[in-house]
Amino acid sequence: MKIYTRGGGYELPVILDGEIQRDILFSTNRDEEWLDNQLKIQKISSPEDVFDAAVTDQGEFTVLRKRKGPNIPPMQH
């Protein structure tokens, strides 16, 4: 049995919890126009809808949307 793994790579976070990480984005030689286009491709209208988005060392864009679920009140003890 062979297990294939992708190794040696890294991701640079360009959005964290809805906030654009501009310093990191610009360090990848990309700008907010590029980021907006990447979000549109994923059918995401706003960075605020993103939990985590990153650029890999291979130039790939990865994104995790924020989950929208029921409003559950905090548990009280």
C-alpha atoms as a PDB file:
ATOM      1  CA  MET A   1       0.000   0.000   0.000  1.00  0.00           C
ATOM      2  CA  LYS A   2       1.371   3.400  -0.969  1.00  0.00           C
ATOM      3  CA  ILE A   3       0.401   6.613   0.724  1.00  0.00           C
ATOM      4  CA  TYR A   4       0.967   9.690  -1.364  1.00  0.00           C
ATOM      5  CA  THR A   5       1.623  12.941   0.403  1.00  0.00           C
ATOM      6  CA  ARG A   6       2.370  16.386  -0.819  1.00  0.00           C
ATOM      7  CA  GLY A   7       5.380  17.590   1.053  1.00  0.00           C
ATOM      8  CA  GLY A   8       7.858  20.376   1.156  1.00  0.00           C
ATOM      9  CA  GLY A   9       5.314  23.058   0.392  1.00  0.00           C
ATOM     10  CA  TYR A  10       3.904  25.887   2.402  1.00  0.00           C
ATOM     11  CA  GLU A  11       0.956  28.272   2.412  1.00  0.00           C
ATOM     12  CA  LEU A  12       0.951  31.986   3.150  1.00  0.00           C
ATOM     13  CA  PRO A  13      -2.341  33.193   4.669  1.00  0.00           C
ATOM     14  CA  VAL A  14      -3.805  36.128   2.739  1.00  0.00           C
ATOM     15  CA  ILE A  15      -7.163  36.166   4.593  1.00  0.00           C
ATOM     16  CA  LEU A  16      -7.647  35.172   8.229  1.00  0.00           C
ATOM     17  CA  ASP A  17     -11.134  35.220   9.739  1.00  0.00           C
ATOM     18  CA  GLY A  18     -12.395  37.701   7.149  1.00  0.00           C
ATOM     19  CA  GLU A  19      -9.414  40.071   7.428  1.00  0.00           C
ATOM     20  CA  ILE A  20      -7.099  40.576   4.454  1.00  0.00           C
ATOM     21  CA  GLN A  21      -3.463  40.139   5.460  1.00  0.00           C
ATOM     22  CA  ARG A  22      -2.159  42.905   3.188  1.00  0.00           C
ATOM     23  CA  ASP A  23       1.518  42.620   4.145  1.00  0.00           C
ATOM     24  CA  ILE A  24       1.529  38.916   3.314  1.00  0.00           C
ATOM     25  CA  LEU A  25      -0.556  39.418   0.159  1.00  0.00           C
ATOM     26  CA  PHE A  26       1.833  42.066  -1.145  1.00  0.00           C
ATOM     27  CA  SER A  27       4.867  39.937  -0.229  1.00  0.00           C
ATOM     28  CA  THR A  28       3.563  37.325  -2.702  1.00  0.00           C
ATOM     29  CA  ASN A  29       3.614  39.995  -5.451  1.00  0.00           C
ATOM     30  CA  ARG A  30      -0.189  39.989  -5.579  1.00  0.00           C
ATOM     31  CA  ASP A  31      -2.684  42.749  -4.864  1.00  0.00           C
ATOM     32  CA  GLU A  32      -6.281  43.111  -3.721  1.00  0.00           C
ATOM     33  CA  GLU A  33      -7.544  43.079  -7.318  1.00  0.00           C
ATOM     34  CA  TRP A  34      -5.979  39.631  -7.775  1.00  0.00           C
ATOM     35  CA  LEU A  35      -7.510  38.496  -4.478  1.00  0.00           C
ATOM     36  CA  ASP A  36     -10.965  39.802  -5.458  1.00  0.00           C
ATOM     37  CA  ASN A  37     -10.737  37.890  -8.741  1.00  0.00           C
ATOM     38  CA  GLN A  38      -9.777  34.689  -6.915  1.00  0.00           C
ATOM     39  CA  LEU A  39     -12.744  35.096  -4.568  1.00  0.00           C
ATOM     40  CA  LYS A  40     -15.105  35.698  -7.512  1.00  0.00           C
ATOM     41  CA  ILE A  41     -13.890  32.480  -9.147  1.00  0.00           C
ATOM     42  CA  GLN A  42     -14.904  30.688  -5.928  1.00  0.00           C
ATOM     43  CA  LYS A  43     -18.256  32.565  -5.941  1.00  0.00           C
ATOM     44  CA  ILE A  44     -17.354  34.422  -2.744  1.00  0.00           C
ATOM     45  CA  SER A  45     -18.543  38.022  -2.662  1.00  0.00           C
ATOM     46  CA  SER A  46     -16.554  39.328   0.298  1.00  0.00           C
ATOM     47  CA  PRO A  47     -13.416  38.505   2.305  1.00  0.00           C
ATOM     48  CA  GLU A  48     -15.674  38.636   5.375  1.00  0.00           C
ATOM     49  CA  ASP A  49     -17.164  35.308   4.199  1.00  0.00           C
ATOM     50  CA  VAL A  50     -13.738  33.628   4.370  1.00  0.00           C
ATOM     51  CA  PHE A  51     -12.288  31.860   7.388  1.00  0.00           C
ATOM     52  CA  ASP A  52      -8.884  31.194   5.791  1.00  0.00           C
ATOM     53  CA  ALA A  53      -7.413  31.812   2.346  1.00  0.00           C
ATOM     54  CA  ALA A  54      -3.825  31.194   1.352  1.00  0.00           C
ATOM     55  CA  VAL A  55      -1.382  31.151  -1.524  1.00  0.00           C
ATOM     56  CA  THR A  56       0.828  28.072  -1.771  1.00  0.00           C
ATOM     57  CA  ASP A  57       4.473  28.080  -2.744  1.00  0.00           C
ATOM     58  CA  GLN A  58       3.274  26.722  -6.109  1.00  0.00           C
ATOM     59  CA  GLY A  59       1.025  29.759  -6.611  1.00  0.00           C
ATOM     60  CA  GLU A  60      -2.228  27.900  -5.940  1.00  0.00           C
ATOM     61  CA  PHE A  61      -5.052  29.662  -4.112  1.00  0.00           C
ATOM     62  CA  THR A  62      -6.829  27.775  -1.337  1.00  0.00           C
ATOM     63  CA  VAL A  63      -9.865  28.975   0.582  1.00  0.00           C
ATOM     64  CA  LEU A  64     -12.068  27.872   3.492  1.00  0.00           C
ATOM     65  CA  ARG A  65     -15.411  29.601   3.844  1.00  0.00           C
ATOM     66  CA  LYS A  66     -16.859  30.557   7.196  1.00  0.00           C
ATOM     67  CA  ARG A  67     -19.574  28.143   8.209  1.00  0.00           C
ATOM     68  CA  LYS A  68     -22.998  29.585   8.655  1.00  0.00           C
ATOM     69  CA  GLY A  69     -25.052  27.548  11.015  1.00  0.00           C
ATOM     70  CA  PRO A  70     -27.800  27.940  13.540  1.00  0.00           C
ATOM     71  CA  ASN A  71     -27.355  30.554  16.219  1.00  0.00           C
ATOM     72  CA  ILE A  72     -26.732  28.409  19.263  1.00  0.00           C
ATOM     73  CA  PRO A  73     -26.695  30.275  22.564  1.00  0.00           C
ATOM     74  CA  PRO A  74     -23.662  29.770  24.787  1.00  0.00           C
ATOM     75  CA  MET A  75     -23.894  26.946  27.298  1.00  0.00           C
ATOM     76  CA  GLN A  76     -24.338  27.966  30.896  1.00  0.00           C
ATOM     77  CA  HIS A  77     -23.397  25.809  33.845  1.00  0.00           C
END
